[in-house]
Amino acid sequence: MIICIAGLSGSGKNSVGSLVSEKLGLRLVDPTFKTIAKKEGIGLLDFHKKAEKEHKIDRDFDARLVAEASKGNCVVTTWLGPWMIRNADIRVWLYASPLARAKRVAGRDGMGADEAARHISKRDEGNRARYLDIYKIDIYDHSGFDLLINSECFLPEQSAAIISQAAIEKCKAPLAKSEAAKSAGKEKRKKR
């Protein structure tokens, strides 16, 4: 089972993904540009500017993501996971208003409210433009998703419960089909 959870800055993808991972006993795959920027000793927005000029950064990042997810049984929490992981079983988009997301980012990253609002706006638009340019992926198009969850209305635990239940139901579906096929086979043998 591979579950991909995505969303814009401050949507809650990492918090919810971590809870889903724990709930279902799946590995958590959650690489971030923030981690890479920190290792390089530069700010996140500066690292994003670098990635705008050097598309190899995204391609390498996403190739590692796909390789890690290909090991199976995981929850992937990245911006592009649902698009990049072609064999994902469940694709989830978390969304919330810009104000709610800015409040979360402000609290998480120690920014003022106005600074956080500018930060998420720059990241959202910058990432969208970059992904369109590199991959022709529009992160504002969620037509291929299984679940769209308003993380402003649900606590992370509630969102995780919705996703986990969807995963459990998805796992049951092939079993139900298999059981129905077995029953049909038995009926055919009885009639002979």
C-alpha atoms as a PDB file:
ATOM      1  CA  MET A   1       0.000   0.000   0.000  1.00  0.00           C
ATOM      2  CA  ILE A   2       1.351   3.395  -1.008  1.00  0.00           C
ATOM      3  CA  ILE A   3      -0.486   6.495   0.204  1.00  0.00           C
ATOM      4  CA  CYS A   4       0.566   9.887  -1.146  1.00  0.00           C
ATOM      5  CA  ILE A   5      -0.464  12.990   0.785  1.00  0.00           C
ATOM      6  CA  ALA A   6       0.163  16.424  -0.687  1.00  0.00           C
ATOM      7  CA  GLY A   7      -0.858  20.007  -0.063  1.00  0.00           C
ATOM      8  CA  LEU A   8       0.433  23.541  -0.187  1.00  0.00           C
ATOM      9  CA  SER A   9       2.624  25.094   2.517  1.00  0.00           C
ATOM     10  CA  GLY A  10       1.031  24.723   5.946  1.00  0.00           C
ATOM     11  CA  SER A  11      -1.699  22.334   4.783  1.00  0.00           C
ATOM     12  CA  GLY A  12      -0.711  19.701   7.340  1.00  0.00           C
ATOM     13  CA  LYS A  13       0.645  17.015   5.000  1.00  0.00           C
ATOM     14  CA  ASN A  14       3.586  16.101   7.237  1.00  0.00           C
ATOM     15  CA  SER A  15       1.555  16.039  10.467  1.00  0.00           C
ATOM     16  CA  VAL A  16      -1.267  14.014   8.921  1.00  0.00           C
ATOM     17  CA  GLY A  17       1.121  11.730   7.027  1.00  0.00           C
ATOM     18  CA  SER A  18       3.017  10.907  10.202  1.00  0.00           C
ATOM     19  CA  LEU A  19      -0.239   9.961  11.947  1.00  0.00           C
ATOM     20  CA  VAL A  20      -1.393   7.802   9.010  1.00  0.00           C
ATOM     21  CA  SER A  21       1.998   6.090   8.969  1.00  0.00           C
ATOM     22  CA  GLU A  22       1.721   5.261  12.682  1.00  0.00           C
ATOM     23  CA  LYS A  23      -1.929   4.197  12.420  1.00  0.00           C
ATOM     24  CA  LEU A  24      -1.340   1.791   9.540  1.00  0.00           C
ATOM     25  CA  GLY A  25       2.195   0.688  10.422  1.00  0.00           C
ATOM     26  CA  LEU A  26       3.637   1.987   7.145  1.00  0.00           C
ATOM     27  CA  ARG A  27       7.020   3.620   6.539  1.00  0.00           C
ATOM     28  CA  LEU A  28       6.994   7.397   6.353  1.00  0.00           C
ATOM     29  CA  VAL A  29       8.718   8.905   3.306  1.00  0.00           C
ATOM     30  CA  ASP A  30       8.879  12.647   3.942  1.00  0.00           C
ATOM     31  CA  PRO A  31      11.877  14.294   2.297  1.00  0.00           C
ATOM     32  CA  THR A  32      11.749  18.080   2.196  1.00  0.00           C
ATOM     33  CA  PHE A  33      13.572  20.953   0.562  1.00  0.00           C
ATOM     34  CA  LYS A  34      13.729  22.445   4.055  1.00  0.00           C
ATOM     35  CA  THR A  35      16.057  19.626   5.150  1.00  0.00           C
ATOM     36  CA  ILE A  36      18.287  20.011   2.086  1.00  0.00           C
ATOM     37  CA  ALA A  37      18.411  23.815   2.484  1.00  0.00           C
ATOM     38  CA  LYS A  38      19.442  23.405   6.119  1.00  0.00           C
ATOM     39  CA  LYS A  39      22.227  20.980   5.131  1.00  0.00           C
ATOM     40  CA  GLU A  40      23.460  23.506   2.559  1.00  0.00           C
ATOM     41  CA  GLY A  41      23.288  26.278   5.162  1.00  0.00           C
ATOM     42  CA  ILE A  42      20.874  28.487   3.218  1.00  0.00           C
ATOM     43  CA  GLY A  43      17.328  29.669   3.806  1.00  0.00           C
ATOM     44  CA  LEU A  44      14.400  27.780   2.322  1.00  0.00           C
ATOM     45  CA  LEU A  45      13.310  30.559  -0.050  1.00  0.00           C
ATOM     46  CA  ASP A  46      16.921  30.977  -1.212  1.00  0.00           C
ATOM     47  CA  PHE A  47      17.070  27.243  -1.881  1.00  0.00           C
ATOM     48  CA  HIS A  48      13.824  27.501  -3.875  1.00  0.00           C
ATOM     49  CA  LYS A  49      15.374  30.310  -5.945  1.00  0.00           C
ATOM     50  CA  LYS A  50      18.362  28.060  -6.597  1.00  0.00           C
ATOM     51  CA  ALA A  51      16.022  25.236  -7.679  1.00  0.00           C
ATOM     52  CA  GLU A  52      14.258  27.620 -10.089  1.00  0.00           C
ATOM     53  CA  LYS A  53      17.566  28.005 -11.932  1.00  0.00           C
ATOM     54  CA  GLU A  54      18.870  24.456 -11.478  1.00  0.00           C
ATOM     55  CA  HIS A  55      16.130  21.986 -12.445  1.00  0.00           C
ATOM     56  CA  LYS A  56      18.492  19.127 -11.671  1.00  0.00           C
ATOM     57  CA  ILE A  57      17.744  19.765  -7.981  1.00  0.00           C
ATOM     58  CA  ASP A  58      14.079  18.846  -8.453  1.00  0.00           C
ATOM     59  CA  ARG A  59      14.789  15.973 -10.817  1.00  0.00           C
ATOM     60  CA  ASP A  60      17.306  14.402  -8.393  1.00  0.00           C
ATOM     61  CA  PHE A  61      15.012  14.995  -5.411  1.00  0.00           C
ATOM     62  CA  ASP A  62      12.034  13.417  -7.183  1.00  0.00           C
ATOM     63  CA  ALA A  63      14.076  10.482  -8.546  1.00  0.00           C
ATOM     64  CA  ARG A  64      15.146   9.660  -4.970  1.00  0.00           C
ATOM     65  CA  LEU A  65      11.532  10.002  -3.852  1.00  0.00           C
ATOM     66  CA  VAL A  66      10.282   7.592  -6.530  1.00  0.00           C
ATOM     67  CA  ALA A  67      13.068   5.101  -5.710  1.00  0.00           C
ATOM     68  CA  GLU A  68      12.234   5.195  -2.003  1.00  0.00           C
ATOM     69  CA  ALA A  69       8.485   4.824  -2.594  1.00  0.00           C
ATOM     70  CA  SER A  70       9.065   1.946  -5.027  1.00  0.00           C
ATOM     71  CA  LYS A  71      10.057  -0.176  -2.006  1.00  0.00           C
ATOM     72  CA  GLY A  72       6.316  -0.141  -1.177  1.00  0.00           C
ATOM     73  CA  ASN A  73       4.235   0.016   1.990  1.00  0.00           C
ATOM     74  CA  CYS A  74       4.706   3.673   2.782  1.00  0.00           C
ATOM     75  CA  VAL A  75       3.083   7.051   3.287  1.00  0.00           C
ATOM     76  CA  VAL A  76       4.650   9.738   1.085  1.00  0.00           C
ATOM     77  CA  THR A  77       4.257  13.372   2.158  1.00  0.00           C
ATOM     78  CA  THR A  78       5.652  15.698  -0.490  1.00  0.00           C
ATOM     79  CA  TRP A  79       4.314  18.323  -2.857  1.00  0.00           C
ATOM     80  CA  LEU A  80       4.588  16.095  -5.939  1.00  0.00           C
ATOM     81  CA  GLY A  81       4.197  12.608  -4.480  1.00  0.00           C
ATOM     82  CA  PRO A  82       0.712  11.974  -5.912  1.00  0.00           C
ATOM     83  CA  TRP A  83       1.912  12.833  -9.409  1.00  0.00           C
ATOM     84  CA  MET A  84       5.372  11.247  -9.261  1.00  0.00           C
ATOM     85  CA  ILE A  85       4.422   7.951  -7.603  1.00  0.00           C
ATOM     86  CA  ARG A  86       2.471   6.424 -10.472  1.00  0.00           C
ATOM     87  CA  ASN A  87       1.557   3.246  -8.581  1.00  0.00           C
ATOM     88  CA  ALA A  88       0.150   5.048  -5.528  1.00  0.00           C
ATOM     89  CA  ASP A  89      -2.928   3.317  -4.135  1.00  0.00           C
ATOM     90  CA  ILE A  90      -4.420   6.458  -2.614  1.00  0.00           C
ATOM     91  CA  ARG A  91      -3.787  10.101  -3.509  1.00  0.00           C
ATOM     92  CA  VAL A  92      -4.824  12.740  -0.972  1.00  0.00           C
ATOM     93  CA  TRP A  93      -4.858  16.533  -1.251  1.00  0.00           C
ATOM     94  CA  LEU A  94      -5.041  18.526   1.987  1.00  0.00           C
ATOM     95  CA  TYR A  95      -6.180  22.115   1.703  1.00  0.00           C
ATOM     96  CA  ALA A  96      -6.918  25.082   3.945  1.00  0.00           C
ATOM     97  CA  SER A  97      -7.333  28.814   3.471  1.00  0.00           C
ATOM     98  CA  PRO A  98      -4.195  30.925   3.039  1.00  0.00           C
ATOM     99  CA  LEU A  99      -4.903  32.567   6.403  1.00  0.00           C
ATOM    100  CA  ALA A 100      -5.075  29.223   8.249  1.00  0.00           C
ATOM    101  CA  ARG A 101      -1.947  27.962   6.513  1.00  0.00           C
ATOM    102  CA  ALA A 102      -0.068  31.200   7.288  1.00  0.00           C
ATOM    103  CA  LYS A 103      -0.985  30.884  10.989  1.00  0.00           C
ATOM    104  CA  ARG A 104       0.381  27.319  11.032  1.00  0.00           C
ATOM    105  CA  VAL A 105       3.601  28.297   9.281  1.00  0.00           C
ATOM    106  CA  ALA A 106       4.029  31.309  11.577  1.00  0.00           C
ATOM    107  CA  GLY A 107       3.690  29.098  14.654  1.00  0.00           C
ATOM    108  CA  ARG A 108       5.843  26.308  13.255  1.00  0.00           C
ATOM    109  CA  ASP A 109       8.648  28.448  11.862  1.00  0.00           C
ATOM    110  CA  GLY A 110       8.600  31.359  14.316  1.00  0.00           C
ATOM    111  CA  MET A 111       7.487  34.012  11.827  1.00  0.00           C
ATOM    112  CA  GLY A 112       5.119  36.906  12.156  1.00  0.00           C
ATOM    113  CA  ALA A 113       1.697  36.497  10.536  1.00  0.00           C
ATOM    114  CA  ASP A 114       2.426  38.889   7.639  1.00  0.00           C
ATOM    115  CA  GLU A 115       5.811  37.323   6.955  1.00  0.00           C
ATOM    116  CA  ALA A 116       4.270  33.834   6.976  1.00  0.00           C
ATOM    117  CA  ALA A 117       1.534  34.935   4.552  1.00  0.00           C
ATOM    118  CA  ARG A 118       4.139  36.320   2.144  1.00  0.00           C
ATOM    119  CA  HIS A 119       6.266  33.197   2.596  1.00  0.00           C
ATOM    120  CA  ILE A 120       3.505  30.731   1.705  1.00  0.00           C
ATOM    121  CA  SER A 121       2.350  32.856  -1.214  1.00  0.00           C
ATOM    122  CA  LYS A 122       5.885  32.924  -2.671  1.00  0.00           C
ATOM    123  CA  ARG A 123       6.395  29.199  -2.101  1.00  0.00           C
ATOM    124  CA  ASP A 124       3.020  28.197  -3.514  1.00  0.00           C
ATOM    125  CA  GLU A 125       3.361  30.272  -6.677  1.00  0.00           C
ATOM    126  CA  GLY A 126       7.065  29.530  -7.086  1.00  0.00           C
ATOM    127  CA  ASN A 127       6.548  25.790  -6.753  1.00  0.00           C
ATOM    128  CA  ARG A 128       3.571  25.824  -9.100  1.00  0.00           C
ATOM    129  CA  ALA A 129       5.515  27.684 -11.787  1.00  0.00           C
ATOM    130  CA  ARG A 130       8.577  25.462 -11.361  1.00  0.00           C
ATOM    131  CA  TYR A 131       6.610  22.187 -11.519  1.00  0.00           C
ATOM    132  CA  LEU A 132       4.730  23.377 -14.597  1.00  0.00           C
ATOM    133  CA  ASP A 133       8.032  24.270 -16.222  1.00  0.00           C
ATOM    134  CA  ILE A 134       9.907  21.085 -15.303  1.00  0.00           C
ATOM    135  CA  TYR A 135       7.175  18.418 -15.386  1.00  0.00           C
ATOM    136  CA  LYS A 136       4.054  20.076 -16.856  1.00  0.00           C
ATOM    137  CA  ILE A 137       2.346  19.283 -13.528  1.00  0.00           C
ATOM    138  CA  ASP A 138      -0.213  21.776 -12.224  1.00  0.00           C
ATOM    139  CA  ILE A 139      -0.378  21.368  -8.456  1.00  0.00           C
ATOM    140  CA  TYR A 140      -3.713  23.217  -8.496  1.00  0.00           C
ATOM    141  CA  ASP A 141      -5.333  20.396 -10.516  1.00  0.00           C
ATOM    142  CA  HIS A 142      -6.581  17.659  -8.187  1.00  0.00           C
ATOM    143  CA  SER A 143      -8.701  15.727 -10.666  1.00  0.00           C
ATOM    144  CA  GLY A 144      -6.672  12.528 -10.211  1.00  0.00           C
ATOM    145  CA  PHE A 145      -6.993  12.473  -6.419  1.00  0.00           C
ATOM    146  CA  ASP A 146      -9.001  10.005  -4.354  1.00  0.00           C
ATOM    147  CA  LEU A 147      -9.568  12.303  -1.377  1.00  0.00           C
ATOM    148  CA  LEU A 148      -9.655  16.068  -0.929  1.00  0.00           C
ATOM    149  CA  ILE A 149      -9.699  17.005   2.759  1.00  0.00           C
ATOM    150  CA  ASN A 150     -10.159  20.459   4.233  1.00  0.00           C
ATOM    151  CA  SER A 151      -7.526  20.416   6.969  1.00  0.00           C
ATOM    152  CA  GLU A 152      -8.924  23.652   8.336  1.00  0.00           C
ATOM    153  CA  CYS A 153     -12.128  21.817   9.313  1.00  0.00           C
ATOM    154  CA  PHE A 154     -10.555  18.592  10.587  1.00  0.00           C
ATOM    155  CA  LEU A 155      -7.875  18.099  13.212  1.00  0.00           C
ATOM    156  CA  PRO A 156      -4.812  16.163  11.992  1.00  0.00           C
ATOM    157  CA  GLU A 157      -6.047  13.079  13.872  1.00  0.00           C
ATOM    158  CA  GLN A 158      -9.424  13.296  12.107  1.00  0.00           C
ATOM    159  CA  SER A 159      -7.835  13.710   8.674  1.00  0.00           C
ATOM    160  CA  ALA A 160      -5.549  10.749   9.434  1.00  0.00           C
ATOM    161  CA  ALA A 161      -8.564   8.667  10.465  1.00  0.00           C
ATOM    162  CA  ILE A 162     -10.355   9.463   7.174  1.00  0.00           C
ATOM    163  CA  ILE A 163      -7.294   8.514   5.121  1.00  0.00           C
ATOM    164  CA  SER A 164      -6.627   5.370   7.158  1.00  0.00           C
ATOM    165  CA  GLN A 165     -10.230   4.210   6.781  1.00  0.00           C
ATOM    166  CA  ALA A 166     -10.043   4.791   3.021  1.00  0.00           C
ATOM    167  CA  ALA A 167      -6.864   2.676   2.892  1.00  0.00           C
ATOM    168  CA  ILE A 168      -8.481  -0.109   4.903  1.00  0.00           C
ATOM    169  CA  GLU A 169     -11.532  -0.105   2.631  1.00  0.00           C
ATOM    170  CA  LYS A 170      -9.338  -0.134  -0.466  1.00  0.00           C
ATOM    171  CA  CYS A 171      -7.515  -3.200   0.891  1.00  0.00           C
ATOM    172  CA  LYS A 172     -10.820  -4.945   1.564  1.00  0.00           C
ATOM    173  CA  ALA A 173     -12.119  -4.395  -1.989  1.00  0.00           C
ATOM    174  CA  PRO A 174      -9.772  -6.891  -3.727  1.00  0.00           C
ATOM    175  CA  LEU A 175     -10.463  -9.435  -0.979  1.00  0.00           C
ATOM    176  CA  ALA A 176     -14.205  -9.076  -1.493  1.00  0.00           C
ATOM    177  CA  LYS A 177     -13.787  -9.564  -5.262  1.00  0.00           C
ATOM    178  CA  SER A 178     -11.586 -12.589  -4.649  1.00  0.00           C
ATOM    179  CA  GLU A 179     -14.149 -14.119  -2.278  1.00  0.00           C
ATOM    180  CA  ALA A 180     -16.951 -13.460  -4.777  1.00  0.00           C
ATOM    181  CA  ALA A 181     -14.927 -15.143  -7.530  1.00  0.00           C
ATOM    182  CA  LYS A 182     -14.286 -18.177  -5.310  1.00  0.00           C
ATOM    183  CA  SER A 183     -18.002 -18.451  -4.506  1.00  0.00           C
ATOM    184  CA  ALA A 184     -18.923 -18.195  -8.191  1.00  0.00           C
ATOM    185  CA  GLY A 185     -16.413 -20.947  -8.997  1.00  0.00           C
ATOM    186  CA  LYS A 186     -17.919 -23.228  -6.340  1.00  0.00           C
ATOM    187  CA  GLU A 187     -21.429 -22.646  -7.715  1.00  0.00           C
ATOM    188  CA  LYS A 188     -20.296 -23.553 -11.242  1.00  0.00           C
ATOM    189  CA  ARG A 189     -18.709 -26.789  -9.990  1.00  0.00           C
ATOM    190  CA  LYS A 190     -21.901 -27.706  -8.096  1.00  0.00           C
ATOM    191  CA  LYS A 191     -24.016 -27.310 -11.237  1.00  0.00           C
ATOM    192  CA  ARG A 192     -21.824 -29.703 -13.244  1.00  0.00           C
END
